[in-house]
Amino acid sequence: MTRFLPGIIAMAIIVVASNILVQFLVGDWLTWGAFTYPFAFLINDVMNRVYGPAAARRVVFAGFVAGVACSLIGSQIMLQGDGYTYPAVTLRIALGSGAAFLVAQMTDVFIFDKLRNGVWWRAPAVSTLIGASLDTMIFFSIAFSATLTFIEPSNDVSWAGAHLPLLGLGPEVPLWVSLACADWLVKLALTLIALMPFKAIVTKLSPRIA
């Protein structure tokens, strides 16, 4: 288990950091979390390629437990800004992140394993694209959809429900839908960018199976 510790720690750090950063906008349609969370898939795929699916699942589960625990702790840490006091991690974000993480990462492990014997790039590309799509859909729905306000009534996410043109161009939708679409597009781009680091890391850790 100790050989998996770097992967577990890296996964937990990414989840917690993303839970916090997703609350801060970059421009009109993105959050800072969109640029950090996709690296969880890189860690997952490296562990899967080098150690196999059983090891990857252990890292995902351990990272999930650590990430949720740290997120719940973060929910008790109060921050101040713009005249408001708010938790570093809200309950809805913690729950949405946990559910999205577990479903998306386990799906990634399953699909990667089914495609592992193909060309080197196919398994990480396809598994991450599908996993990232699930992650975006589950997380943003739980964290910001007005239909799930009952999860945390005290958390005012009305700002996310403001109706605006989709990504500033399309039909009017709740703001969180545009945020989800932009987040998804960033994940797609980072999936392609991460292919070369994936190959380099796997080659270094286990040259014979790169």
N, C-alpha and C. Protein backbone atom coordinates (compact mmCIF):
# COMPACT_ATOMS: atom_id res chain seq x y z
N MET A 1 0.83 -1.21 0.00
CA MET A 1 0.00 0.00 0.00
C MET A 1 0.86 1.26 0.00
N THR A 2 2.04 1.18 0.61
CA THR A 2 2.90 2.35 0.71
C THR A 2 3.36 2.84 -0.66
N ARG A 3 3.48 1.91 -1.63
CA ARG A 3 3.91 2.34 -2.96
C ARG A 3 2.83 3.15 -3.66
N PHE A 4 1.59 3.04 -3.18
CA PHE A 4 0.50 3.81 -3.76
C PHE A 4 0.31 5.16 -3.07
N LEU A 5 1.05 5.40 -1.99
CA LEU A 5 0.85 6.60 -1.18
C LEU A 5 1.00 7.90 -1.97
N PRO A 6 2.02 8.02 -2.84
CA PRO A 6 2.12 9.26 -3.62
C PRO A 6 0.87 9.53 -4.45
N GLY A 7 0.31 8.48 -5.04
CA GLY A 7 -0.91 8.65 -5.83
C GLY A 7 -2.08 9.05 -4.96
N ILE A 8 -2.20 8.46 -3.79
CA ILE A 8 -3.29 8.78 -2.87
C ILE A 8 -3.20 10.23 -2.41
N ILE A 9 -2.00 10.65 -2.02
CA ILE A 9 -1.81 12.02 -1.55
C ILE A 9 -2.10 13.02 -2.66
N ALA A 10 -1.58 12.74 -3.86
CA ALA A 10 -1.81 13.64 -4.99
C ALA A 10 -3.29 13.75 -5.31
N MET A 11 -3.99 12.62 -5.26
CA MET A 11 -5.42 12.62 -5.56
C MET A 11 -6.19 13.46 -4.54
N ALA A 12 -5.88 13.27 -3.26
CA ALA A 12 -6.57 14.02 -2.20
C ALA A 12 -6.32 15.52 -2.33
N ILE A 13 -5.08 15.90 -2.63
CA ILE A 13 -4.75 17.32 -2.78
C ILE A 13 -5.54 17.94 -3.93
N ILE A 14 -5.61 17.23 -5.04
CA ILE A 14 -6.33 17.75 -6.20
C ILE A 14 -7.81 17.92 -5.90
N VAL A 15 -8.42 16.93 -5.24
CA VAL A 15 -9.85 17.01 -4.93
C VAL A 15 -10.14 18.19 -4.01
N VAL A 16 -9.37 18.32 -2.93
CA VAL A 16 -9.61 19.41 -1.98
C VAL A 16 -9.38 20.77 -2.63
N ALA A 17 -8.27 20.90 -3.36
CA ALA A 17 -7.97 22.17 -4.02
C ALA A 17 -9.07 22.54 -5.01
N SER A 18 -9.54 21.57 -5.75
CA SER A 18 -10.58 21.83 -6.74
C SER A 18 -11.90 22.21 -6.09
N ASN A 19 -12.20 21.60 -4.94
CA ASN A 19 -13.43 21.95 -4.22
C ASN A 19 -13.44 23.42 -3.82
N ILE A 20 -12.28 23.93 -3.47
CA ILE A 20 -12.17 25.34 -3.08
C ILE A 20 -12.16 26.24 -4.32
N LEU A 21 -11.36 25.86 -5.31
CA LEU A 21 -11.16 26.71 -6.48
C LEU A 21 -12.38 26.79 -7.37
N VAL A 22 -13.27 25.79 -7.30
CA VAL A 22 -14.47 25.82 -8.15
C VAL A 22 -15.41 26.95 -7.76
N GLN A 23 -15.20 27.54 -6.60
CA GLN A 23 -16.05 28.63 -6.14
C GLN A 23 -15.61 30.00 -6.68
N PHE A 24 -14.50 30.03 -7.41
CA PHE A 24 -13.95 31.30 -7.88
C PHE A 24 -13.90 31.32 -9.41
N LEU A 25 -14.56 32.32 -9.98
CA LEU A 25 -14.68 32.41 -11.43
C LEU A 25 -13.41 32.93 -12.09
N VAL A 26 -13.19 32.43 -13.30
CA VAL A 26 -12.15 32.96 -14.20
C VAL A 26 -12.90 33.47 -15.43
N GLY A 27 -12.98 34.75 -15.59
CA GLY A 27 -13.79 35.28 -16.66
C GLY A 27 -15.27 35.06 -16.37
N ASP A 28 -16.06 34.82 -17.41
CA ASP A 28 -17.50 34.69 -17.24
C ASP A 28 -17.98 33.26 -17.08
N TRP A 29 -17.22 32.28 -17.60
CA TRP A 29 -17.77 30.94 -17.71
C TRP A 29 -16.95 29.84 -17.05
N LEU A 30 -15.79 30.17 -16.56
CA LEU A 30 -14.93 29.14 -15.98
C LEU A 30 -14.64 29.40 -14.51
N THR A 31 -14.30 28.33 -13.80
CA THR A 31 -13.80 28.45 -12.43
C THR A 31 -12.37 27.94 -12.42
N TRP A 32 -11.62 28.32 -11.41
CA TRP A 32 -10.23 27.86 -11.31
C TRP A 32 -10.17 26.34 -11.16
N GLY A 33 -11.22 25.75 -10.59
CA GLY A 33 -11.23 24.31 -10.41
C GLY A 33 -11.17 23.54 -11.72
N ALA A 34 -11.61 24.16 -12.80
CA ALA A 34 -11.59 23.50 -14.11
C ALA A 34 -10.17 23.19 -14.56
N PHE A 35 -9.20 23.93 -14.03
CA PHE A 35 -7.81 23.74 -14.47
C PHE A 35 -7.03 22.79 -13.56
N THR A 36 -7.60 22.42 -12.43
CA THR A 36 -6.88 21.53 -11.51
C THR A 36 -7.46 20.12 -11.47
N TYR A 37 -8.79 20.02 -11.45
CA TYR A 37 -9.40 18.71 -11.26
C TYR A 37 -9.06 17.68 -12.34
N PRO A 38 -8.96 18.04 -13.63
CA PRO A 38 -8.67 17.03 -14.65
C PRO A 38 -7.41 16.22 -14.39
N PHE A 39 -6.48 16.75 -13.58
CA PHE A 39 -5.25 16.01 -13.32
C PHE A 39 -5.50 14.78 -12.45
N ALA A 40 -6.68 14.71 -11.83
CA ALA A 40 -7.04 13.49 -11.10
C ALA A 40 -7.11 12.30 -12.05
N PHE A 41 -7.57 12.54 -13.27
CA PHE A 41 -7.65 11.47 -14.26
C PHE A 41 -6.26 11.03 -14.71
N LEU A 42 -5.34 11.97 -14.79
CA LEU A 42 -3.96 11.63 -15.14
C LEU A 42 -3.36 10.70 -14.09
N ILE A 43 -3.56 11.03 -12.82
CA ILE A 43 -3.05 10.19 -11.74
C ILE A 43 -3.68 8.80 -11.80
N ASN A 44 -4.99 8.76 -11.99
CA ASN A 44 -5.71 7.50 -12.06
C ASN A 44 -5.19 6.63 -13.19
N ASP A 45 -5.02 7.22 -14.37
CA ASP A 45 -4.59 6.45 -15.52
C ASP A 45 -3.15 5.96 -15.39
N VAL A 46 -2.29 6.76 -14.79
CA VAL A 46 -0.91 6.32 -14.55
C VAL A 46 -0.90 5.12 -13.60
N MET A 47 -1.67 5.21 -12.51
CA MET A 47 -1.73 4.11 -11.55
C MET A 47 -2.29 2.85 -12.22
N ASN A 48 -3.29 3.03 -13.07
CA ASN A 48 -3.90 1.89 -13.76
C ASN A 48 -2.91 1.23 -14.71
N ARG A 49 -2.19 2.03 -15.48
CA ARG A 49 -1.24 1.49 -16.44
C ARG A 49 -0.08 0.79 -15.77
N VAL A 50 0.43 1.39 -14.70
CA VAL A 50 1.63 0.85 -14.04
C VAL A 50 1.31 -0.30 -13.10
N TYR A 51 0.23 -0.17 -12.30
CA TYR A 51 -0.04 -1.15 -11.26
C TYR A 51 -1.28 -2.01 -11.52
N GLY A 52 -2.12 -1.62 -12.50
CA GLY A 52 -3.30 -2.41 -12.81
C GLY A 52 -4.58 -1.82 -12.22
N PRO A 53 -5.74 -2.32 -12.66
CA PRO A 53 -7.03 -1.75 -12.24
C PRO A 53 -7.33 -1.91 -10.76
N ALA A 54 -6.93 -3.02 -10.16
CA ALA A 54 -7.21 -3.22 -8.74
C ALA A 54 -6.49 -2.16 -7.91
N ALA A 55 -5.24 -1.88 -8.26
CA ALA A 55 -4.48 -0.85 -7.56
C ALA A 55 -5.08 0.53 -7.79
N ALA A 56 -5.52 0.78 -9.03
CA ALA A 56 -6.12 2.08 -9.33
C ALA A 56 -7.39 2.29 -8.52
N ARG A 57 -8.18 1.23 -8.37
CA ARG A 57 -9.41 1.35 -7.58
C ARG A 57 -9.09 1.65 -6.12
N ARG A 58 -8.05 1.05 -5.60
CA ARG A 58 -7.66 1.31 -4.22
C ARG A 58 -7.24 2.76 -4.04
N VAL A 59 -6.50 3.28 -5.01
CA VAL A 59 -6.07 4.68 -4.94
C VAL A 59 -7.27 5.61 -5.06
N VAL A 60 -8.21 5.28 -5.96
CA VAL A 60 -9.40 6.10 -6.12
C VAL A 60 -10.20 6.12 -4.83
N PHE A 61 -10.41 4.94 -4.23
CA PHE A 61 -11.21 4.89 -3.01
C PHE A 61 -10.52 5.62 -1.86
N ALA A 62 -9.22 5.40 -1.73
CA ALA A 62 -8.48 6.08 -0.66
C ALA A 62 -8.48 7.59 -0.89
N GLY A 63 -8.32 8.00 -2.14
CA GLY A 63 -8.36 9.42 -2.46
C GLY A 63 -9.74 10.01 -2.22
N PHE A 64 -10.77 9.21 -2.49
CA PHE A 64 -12.15 9.64 -2.25
C PHE A 64 -12.38 9.88 -0.76
N VAL A 65 -11.98 8.94 0.06
CA VAL A 65 -12.17 9.07 1.51
C VAL A 65 -11.41 10.29 2.03
N ALA A 66 -10.15 10.41 1.62
CA ALA A 66 -9.34 11.53 2.09
C ALA A 66 -9.91 12.86 1.59
N GLY A 67 -10.34 12.88 0.33
CA GLY A 67 -10.88 14.12 -0.24
C GLY A 67 -12.16 14.55 0.44
N VAL A 68 -13.07 13.61 0.70
CA VAL A 68 -14.33 13.93 1.36
C VAL A 68 -14.07 14.41 2.79
N ALA A 69 -13.17 13.71 3.48
CA ALA A 69 -12.85 14.10 4.86
C ALA A 69 -12.30 15.52 4.91
N CYS A 70 -11.37 15.82 4.01
CA CYS A 70 -10.78 17.16 3.99
C CYS A 70 -11.81 18.21 3.57
N SER A 71 -12.72 17.82 2.66
CA SER A 71 -13.76 18.75 2.24
C SER A 71 -14.71 19.07 3.38
N LEU A 72 -15.07 18.05 4.16
CA LEU A 72 -15.95 18.28 5.30
C LEU A 72 -15.28 19.16 6.35
N ILE A 73 -13.98 18.96 6.52
CA ILE A 73 -13.23 19.84 7.42
C ILE A 73 -13.26 21.27 6.88
N GLY A 74 -13.07 21.39 5.55
CA GLY A 74 -13.09 22.70 4.91
C GLY A 74 -14.42 23.39 5.07
N SER A 75 -15.49 22.59 5.18
CA SER A 75 -16.82 23.18 5.35
C SER A 75 -16.96 23.88 6.69
N GLN A 76 -16.06 23.57 7.63
CA GLN A 76 -16.10 24.20 8.94
C GLN A 76 -15.17 25.42 9.03
N ILE A 77 -14.40 25.65 7.98
CA ILE A 77 -13.48 26.78 7.94
C ILE A 77 -14.18 27.95 7.25
N MET A 78 -14.31 29.04 7.94
CA MET A 78 -15.04 30.18 7.42
C MET A 78 -14.09 31.20 6.79
N LEU A 79 -14.47 31.68 5.61
CA LEU A 79 -13.71 32.70 4.91
C LEU A 79 -14.53 33.98 4.84
N GLN A 80 -13.87 35.09 4.59
CA GLN A 80 -14.56 36.36 4.48
C GLN A 80 -14.17 37.05 3.18
N GLY A 81 -15.15 37.67 2.55
CA GLY A 81 -14.89 38.40 1.32
C GLY A 81 -16.15 39.08 0.82
N ASP A 82 -16.01 40.26 0.24
CA ASP A 82 -17.14 41.03 -0.29
C ASP A 82 -18.22 41.26 0.77
N GLY A 83 -17.79 41.36 2.03
CA GLY A 83 -18.74 41.63 3.10
C GLY A 83 -19.50 40.42 3.59
N TYR A 84 -19.12 39.22 3.09
CA TYR A 84 -19.82 37.99 3.48
C TYR A 84 -18.86 37.03 4.17
N THR A 85 -19.44 36.20 5.02
CA THR A 85 -18.69 35.10 5.63
C THR A 85 -19.24 33.80 5.07
N TYR A 86 -18.37 32.93 4.56
CA TYR A 86 -18.83 31.71 3.92
C TYR A 86 -17.81 30.59 4.15
N PRO A 87 -18.26 29.34 4.11
CA PRO A 87 -17.35 28.22 4.33
C PRO A 87 -16.40 28.03 3.14
N ALA A 88 -15.19 27.58 3.42
CA ALA A 88 -14.22 27.33 2.36
C ALA A 88 -14.76 26.29 1.38
N VAL A 89 -15.48 25.30 1.90
CA VAL A 89 -16.11 24.27 1.06
C VAL A 89 -17.54 24.09 1.54
N THR A 90 -18.52 24.34 0.68
CA THR A 90 -19.91 24.17 1.07
C THR A 90 -20.29 22.69 1.05
N LEU A 91 -21.37 22.36 1.75
CA LEU A 91 -21.81 20.97 1.82
C LEU A 91 -22.17 20.44 0.43
N ARG A 92 -22.86 21.24 -0.36
CA ARG A 92 -23.26 20.78 -1.69
C ARG A 92 -22.05 20.53 -2.58
N ILE A 93 -21.05 21.38 -2.47
CA ILE A 93 -19.84 21.18 -3.26
C ILE A 93 -19.11 19.92 -2.79
N ALA A 94 -19.06 19.70 -1.48
CA ALA A 94 -18.41 18.51 -0.95
C ALA A 94 -19.12 17.24 -1.42
N LEU A 95 -20.45 17.23 -1.33
CA LEU A 95 -21.22 16.06 -1.76
C LEU A 95 -21.14 15.86 -3.27
N GLY A 96 -21.27 16.95 -4.01
CA GLY A 96 -21.20 16.85 -5.46
C GLY A 96 -19.84 16.37 -5.92
N SER A 97 -18.81 16.90 -5.29
CA SER A 97 -17.46 16.50 -5.65
C SER A 97 -17.23 15.02 -5.34
N GLY A 98 -17.67 14.59 -4.16
CA GLY A 98 -17.48 13.20 -3.77
C GLY A 98 -18.19 12.23 -4.69
N ALA A 99 -19.47 12.51 -4.99
CA ALA A 99 -20.24 11.63 -5.85
C ALA A 99 -19.68 11.61 -7.27
N ALA A 100 -19.37 12.79 -7.79
CA ALA A 100 -18.83 12.88 -9.15
C ALA A 100 -17.48 12.18 -9.24
N PHE A 101 -16.65 12.39 -8.23
CA PHE A 101 -15.32 11.79 -8.22
C PHE A 101 -15.41 10.27 -8.25
N LEU A 102 -16.21 9.71 -7.36
CA LEU A 102 -16.27 8.25 -7.26
C LEU A 102 -16.82 7.62 -8.53
N VAL A 103 -17.92 8.15 -9.05
CA VAL A 103 -18.52 7.59 -10.27
C VAL A 103 -17.59 7.76 -11.46
N ALA A 104 -17.06 8.96 -11.65
CA ALA A 104 -16.23 9.24 -12.81
C ALA A 104 -14.91 8.47 -12.78
N GLN A 105 -14.27 8.43 -11.62
CA GLN A 105 -12.98 7.75 -11.54
C GLN A 105 -13.11 6.24 -11.66
N MET A 106 -14.15 5.66 -11.07
CA MET A 106 -14.36 4.22 -11.20
C MET A 106 -14.72 3.86 -12.64
N THR A 107 -15.47 4.72 -13.29
CA THR A 107 -15.77 4.50 -14.71
C THR A 107 -14.50 4.58 -15.53
N ASP A 108 -13.65 5.53 -15.21
CA ASP A 108 -12.36 5.68 -15.89
C ASP A 108 -11.53 4.40 -15.75
N VAL A 109 -11.48 3.85 -14.54
CA VAL A 109 -10.71 2.63 -14.30
C VAL A 109 -11.24 1.49 -15.16
N PHE A 110 -12.55 1.33 -15.19
CA PHE A 110 -13.18 0.24 -15.93
C PHE A 110 -12.90 0.34 -17.43
N ILE A 111 -13.11 1.53 -18.00
CA ILE A 111 -12.93 1.70 -19.43
C ILE A 111 -11.46 1.59 -19.81
N PHE A 112 -10.58 2.18 -19.01
CA PHE A 112 -9.14 2.10 -19.27
C PHE A 112 -8.71 0.64 -19.35
N ASP A 113 -9.17 -0.16 -18.39
CA ASP A 113 -8.76 -1.57 -18.37
C ASP A 113 -9.24 -2.32 -19.61
N LYS A 114 -10.45 -1.98 -20.09
CA LYS A 114 -10.98 -2.64 -21.28
C LYS A 114 -10.18 -2.29 -22.53
N LEU A 115 -9.55 -1.12 -22.52
CA LEU A 115 -8.83 -0.64 -23.71
C LEU A 115 -7.31 -0.70 -23.55
N ARG A 116 -6.82 -1.27 -22.47
CA ARG A 116 -5.39 -1.18 -22.17
C ARG A 116 -4.50 -1.85 -23.20
N ASN A 117 -5.00 -2.81 -23.95
CA ASN A 117 -4.16 -3.53 -24.91
C ASN A 117 -4.13 -2.88 -26.28
N GLY A 118 -4.80 -1.74 -26.45
CA GLY A 118 -4.77 -1.04 -27.73
C GLY A 118 -3.56 -0.14 -27.83
N VAL A 119 -3.57 0.77 -28.79
CA VAL A 119 -2.49 1.75 -28.90
C VAL A 119 -2.42 2.55 -27.61
N TRP A 120 -1.24 3.03 -27.24
CA TRP A 120 -0.99 3.56 -25.91
C TRP A 120 -1.91 4.71 -25.52
N TRP A 121 -2.31 5.53 -26.51
CA TRP A 121 -3.07 6.74 -26.18
C TRP A 121 -4.58 6.50 -26.06
N ARG A 122 -5.06 5.37 -26.62
CA ARG A 122 -6.51 5.18 -26.67
C ARG A 122 -7.13 5.01 -25.29
N ALA A 123 -6.53 4.20 -24.43
CA ALA A 123 -7.10 3.96 -23.11
C ALA A 123 -7.20 5.23 -22.27
N PRO A 124 -6.11 6.01 -22.13
CA PRO A 124 -6.24 7.24 -21.33
C PRO A 124 -7.15 8.27 -21.97
N ALA A 125 -7.16 8.36 -23.29
CA ALA A 125 -7.99 9.38 -23.95
C ALA A 125 -9.47 9.07 -23.81
N VAL A 126 -9.87 7.85 -24.15
CA VAL A 126 -11.29 7.49 -24.13
C VAL A 126 -11.83 7.44 -22.70
N SER A 127 -11.08 6.80 -21.80
CA SER A 127 -11.56 6.66 -20.42
C SER A 127 -11.69 8.02 -19.75
N THR A 128 -10.75 8.92 -20.01
CA THR A 128 -10.81 10.25 -19.40
C THR A 128 -11.94 11.08 -19.99
N LEU A 129 -12.15 11.01 -21.30
CA LEU A 129 -13.23 11.77 -21.93
C LEU A 129 -14.59 11.36 -21.36
N ILE A 130 -14.81 10.06 -21.20
CA ILE A 130 -16.09 9.59 -20.66
C ILE A 130 -16.19 9.92 -19.18
N GLY A 131 -15.13 9.65 -18.43
CA GLY A 131 -15.13 9.95 -17.00
C GLY A 131 -15.31 11.42 -16.72
N ALA A 132 -14.63 12.27 -17.48
CA ALA A 132 -14.73 13.72 -17.28
C ALA A 132 -16.13 14.22 -17.59
N SER A 133 -16.78 13.64 -18.59
CA SER A 133 -18.14 14.05 -18.93
C SER A 133 -19.10 13.71 -17.80
N LEU A 134 -18.96 12.51 -17.24
CA LEU A 134 -19.79 12.13 -16.10
C LEU A 134 -19.53 13.03 -14.91
N ASP A 135 -18.26 13.32 -14.67
CA ASP A 135 -17.88 14.15 -13.53
C ASP A 135 -18.52 15.52 -13.61
N THR A 136 -18.45 16.15 -14.78
CA THR A 136 -19.02 17.48 -14.96
C THR A 136 -20.53 17.47 -14.73
N MET A 137 -21.21 16.51 -15.32
CA MET A 137 -22.66 16.44 -15.21
C MET A 137 -23.10 16.24 -13.76
N ILE A 138 -22.47 15.30 -13.06
CA ILE A 138 -22.86 15.00 -11.69
C ILE A 138 -22.51 16.14 -10.74
N PHE A 139 -21.29 16.65 -10.85
CA PHE A 139 -20.85 17.68 -9.91
C PHE A 139 -21.69 18.95 -10.00
N PHE A 140 -21.82 19.51 -11.19
CA PHE A 140 -22.52 20.79 -11.31
C PHE A 140 -23.99 20.67 -10.98
N SER A 141 -24.60 19.51 -11.27
CA SER A 141 -26.01 19.32 -10.93
C SER A 141 -26.21 19.34 -9.42
N ILE A 142 -25.38 18.60 -8.71
CA ILE A 142 -25.51 18.53 -7.25
C ILE A 142 -25.12 19.85 -6.59
N ALA A 143 -24.05 20.45 -7.06
CA ALA A 143 -23.52 21.64 -6.40
C ALA A 143 -24.35 22.90 -6.65
N PHE A 144 -24.98 23.02 -7.82
CA PHE A 144 -25.58 24.31 -8.17
C PHE A 144 -27.01 24.28 -8.68
N SER A 145 -27.57 23.11 -9.01
CA SER A 145 -28.92 23.09 -9.55
C SER A 145 -29.94 23.55 -8.51
N ALA A 146 -30.87 24.39 -8.94
CA ALA A 146 -31.90 24.92 -8.04
C ALA A 146 -32.83 23.81 -7.54
N THR A 147 -32.96 22.74 -8.29
CA THR A 147 -33.86 21.65 -7.89
C THR A 147 -33.32 20.88 -6.69
N LEU A 148 -32.06 21.07 -6.37
CA LEU A 148 -31.46 20.34 -5.24
C LEU A 148 -31.13 21.26 -4.07
N THR A 149 -31.81 22.39 -3.99
CA THR A 149 -31.58 23.35 -2.90
C THR A 149 -31.81 22.73 -1.53
N PHE A 150 -32.70 21.71 -1.47
CA PHE A 150 -33.03 21.08 -0.18
C PHE A 150 -31.81 20.43 0.47
N ILE A 151 -30.79 20.14 -0.29
CA ILE A 151 -29.59 19.51 0.28
C ILE A 151 -28.94 20.42 1.31
N GLU A 152 -28.91 21.71 1.00
CA GLU A 152 -28.29 22.70 1.89
C GLU A 152 -29.04 24.02 1.75
N PRO A 153 -30.20 24.14 2.40
CA PRO A 153 -31.04 25.33 2.24
C PRO A 153 -30.34 26.64 2.59
N SER A 154 -29.40 26.58 3.51
CA SER A 154 -28.74 27.81 3.93
C SER A 154 -27.70 28.31 2.93
N ASN A 155 -27.37 27.49 1.96
CA ASN A 155 -26.37 27.86 0.96
C ASN A 155 -27.06 28.54 -0.22
N ASP A 156 -26.87 29.83 -0.35
CA ASP A 156 -27.52 30.59 -1.41
C ASP A 156 -26.73 30.47 -2.72
N VAL A 157 -27.26 29.67 -3.63
CA VAL A 157 -26.62 29.51 -4.93
C VAL A 157 -27.50 30.11 -6.03
N SER A 158 -28.31 31.09 -5.64
CA SER A 158 -29.21 31.71 -6.62
C SER A 158 -28.43 32.36 -7.76
N TRP A 159 -27.20 32.80 -7.47
CA TRP A 159 -26.38 33.39 -8.52
C TRP A 159 -26.15 32.40 -9.66
N ALA A 160 -26.05 31.11 -9.31
CA ALA A 160 -25.79 30.09 -10.33
C ALA A 160 -27.02 29.80 -11.17
N GLY A 161 -28.19 30.23 -10.70
CA GLY A 161 -29.43 29.97 -11.42
C GLY A 161 -29.87 31.11 -12.33
N ALA A 162 -29.10 32.20 -12.33
CA ALA A 162 -29.45 33.33 -13.19
C ALA A 162 -29.44 32.90 -14.66
N HIS A 163 -30.49 33.21 -15.39
CA HIS A 163 -30.60 32.78 -16.79
C HIS A 163 -29.86 33.75 -17.71
N LEU A 164 -28.93 33.17 -18.46
CA LEU A 164 -28.11 33.92 -19.40
C LEU A 164 -27.93 33.09 -20.67
N PRO A 165 -27.56 33.70 -21.79
CA PRO A 165 -27.30 32.92 -23.01
C PRO A 165 -26.18 31.90 -22.76
N LEU A 166 -26.36 30.69 -23.27
CA LEU A 166 -25.37 29.63 -23.09
C LEU A 166 -24.01 30.08 -23.62
N LEU A 167 -23.03 30.17 -22.72
CA LEU A 167 -21.68 30.63 -23.07
C LEU A 167 -21.71 31.98 -23.80
N GLY A 168 -22.76 32.75 -23.49
CA GLY A 168 -22.88 34.08 -24.07
C GLY A 168 -23.38 34.11 -25.50
N LEU A 169 -23.68 32.94 -26.06
CA LEU A 169 -24.05 32.89 -27.47
C LEU A 169 -25.35 32.14 -27.75
N GLY A 170 -25.63 31.10 -26.98
CA GLY A 170 -26.75 30.22 -27.27
C GLY A 170 -28.04 30.62 -26.58
N PRO A 171 -28.95 29.66 -26.44
CA PRO A 171 -30.23 29.93 -25.77
C PRO A 171 -30.01 30.20 -24.29
N GLU A 172 -30.99 30.83 -23.65
CA GLU A 172 -30.84 31.16 -22.23
C GLU A 172 -30.95 29.90 -21.37
N VAL A 173 -29.99 29.75 -20.49
CA VAL A 173 -29.95 28.62 -19.57
C VAL A 173 -29.43 29.14 -18.23
N PRO A 174 -29.59 28.38 -17.13
CA PRO A 174 -29.01 28.80 -15.86
C PRO A 174 -27.49 28.96 -16.00
N LEU A 175 -26.94 29.89 -15.28
CA LEU A 175 -25.50 30.15 -15.35
C LEU A 175 -24.68 28.90 -15.11
N TRP A 176 -25.14 28.04 -14.17
CA TRP A 176 -24.35 26.86 -13.85
C TRP A 176 -24.23 25.90 -15.03
N VAL A 177 -25.19 25.93 -15.95
CA VAL A 177 -25.11 25.09 -17.14
C VAL A 177 -23.98 25.58 -18.05
N SER A 178 -23.86 26.90 -18.20
CA SER A 178 -22.75 27.46 -18.98
C SER A 178 -21.42 27.14 -18.31
N LEU A 179 -21.38 27.23 -16.97
CA LEU A 179 -20.15 26.90 -16.25
C LEU A 179 -19.79 25.44 -16.47
N ALA A 180 -20.80 24.57 -16.47
CA ALA A 180 -20.55 23.14 -16.69
C ALA A 180 -20.03 22.88 -18.09
N CYS A 181 -20.63 23.54 -19.08
CA CYS A 181 -20.18 23.35 -20.47
C CYS A 181 -18.75 23.83 -20.66
N ALA A 182 -18.44 25.00 -20.10
CA ALA A 182 -17.08 25.52 -20.21
C ALA A 182 -16.09 24.60 -19.50
N ASP A 183 -16.49 24.11 -18.33
CA ASP A 183 -15.65 23.18 -17.57
C ASP A 183 -15.38 21.92 -18.39
N TRP A 184 -16.41 21.41 -19.04
CA TRP A 184 -16.29 20.20 -19.85
C TRP A 184 -15.34 20.42 -21.02
N LEU A 185 -15.43 21.57 -21.67
CA LEU A 185 -14.55 21.87 -22.79
C LEU A 185 -13.09 21.96 -22.35
N VAL A 186 -12.86 22.54 -21.17
CA VAL A 186 -11.49 22.61 -20.65
C VAL A 186 -10.97 21.20 -20.36
N LYS A 187 -11.83 20.36 -19.80
CA LYS A 187 -11.42 18.98 -19.52
C LYS A 187 -11.05 18.24 -20.80
N LEU A 188 -11.80 18.47 -21.86
CA LEU A 188 -11.48 17.84 -23.13
C LEU A 188 -10.10 18.28 -23.63
N ALA A 189 -9.85 19.58 -23.51
CA ALA A 189 -8.55 20.10 -23.97
C ALA A 189 -7.41 19.54 -23.12
N LEU A 190 -7.60 19.52 -21.80
CA LEU A 190 -6.54 19.02 -20.92
C LEU A 190 -6.34 17.52 -21.07
N THR A 191 -7.38 16.80 -21.48
CA THR A 191 -7.23 15.37 -21.73
C THR A 191 -6.20 15.14 -22.83
N LEU A 192 -6.28 15.93 -23.88
CA LEU A 192 -5.32 15.80 -24.99
C LEU A 192 -3.93 16.25 -24.56
N ILE A 193 -3.88 17.35 -23.82
CA ILE A 193 -2.58 17.87 -23.37
C ILE A 193 -1.89 16.89 -22.44
N ALA A 194 -2.68 16.18 -21.61
CA ALA A 194 -2.12 15.28 -20.61
C ALA A 194 -1.60 13.97 -21.18
N LEU A 195 -1.86 13.70 -22.45
CA LEU A 195 -1.41 12.43 -23.03
C LEU A 195 0.11 12.30 -23.02
N MET A 196 0.80 13.36 -23.34
CA MET A 196 2.27 13.28 -23.36
C MET A 196 2.86 13.13 -21.96
N PRO A 197 2.40 13.92 -20.95
CA PRO A 197 2.88 13.65 -19.59
C PRO A 197 2.56 12.23 -19.13
N PHE A 198 1.39 11.71 -19.51
CA PHE A 198 1.03 10.34 -19.18
C PHE A 198 2.07 9.37 -19.71
N LYS A 199 2.40 9.49 -20.98
CA LYS A 199 3.37 8.58 -21.58
C LYS A 199 4.75 8.72 -20.94
N ALA A 200 5.16 9.97 -20.65
CA ALA A 200 6.48 10.21 -20.06
C ALA A 200 6.57 9.61 -18.66
N ILE A 201 5.50 9.81 -17.85
CA ILE A 201 5.52 9.29 -16.47
C ILE A 201 5.50 7.77 -16.46
N VAL A 202 4.65 7.18 -17.31
CA VAL A 202 4.56 5.72 -17.37
C VAL A 202 5.88 5.13 -17.86
N THR A 203 6.52 5.78 -18.84
CA THR A 203 7.79 5.29 -19.35
C THR A 203 8.86 5.30 -18.26
N LYS A 204 8.84 6.33 -17.43
CA LYS A 204 9.82 6.43 -16.35
C LYS A 204 9.57 5.39 -15.27
N LEU A 205 8.30 5.19 -14.93
CA LEU A 205 7.98 4.26 -13.85
C LEU A 205 8.05 2.78 -14.29
N SER A 206 7.71 2.54 -15.53
CA SER A 206 7.68 1.16 -16.01
C SER A 206 7.91 1.14 -17.51
N PRO A 207 9.16 1.28 -17.96
CA PRO A 207 9.46 1.41 -19.38
C PRO A 207 8.92 0.28 -20.25
N ARG A 208 8.82 -0.92 -19.73
CA ARG A 208 8.43 -2.06 -20.54
C ARG A 208 6.96 -2.02 -20.96
N ILE A 209 6.12 -1.28 -20.24
CA ILE A 209 4.69 -1.29 -20.58
C ILE A 209 4.22 0.07 -21.08
N ALA A 210 5.13 1.01 -21.30
CA ALA A 210 4.74 2.33 -21.77
C ALA A 210 4.16 2.28 -23.18
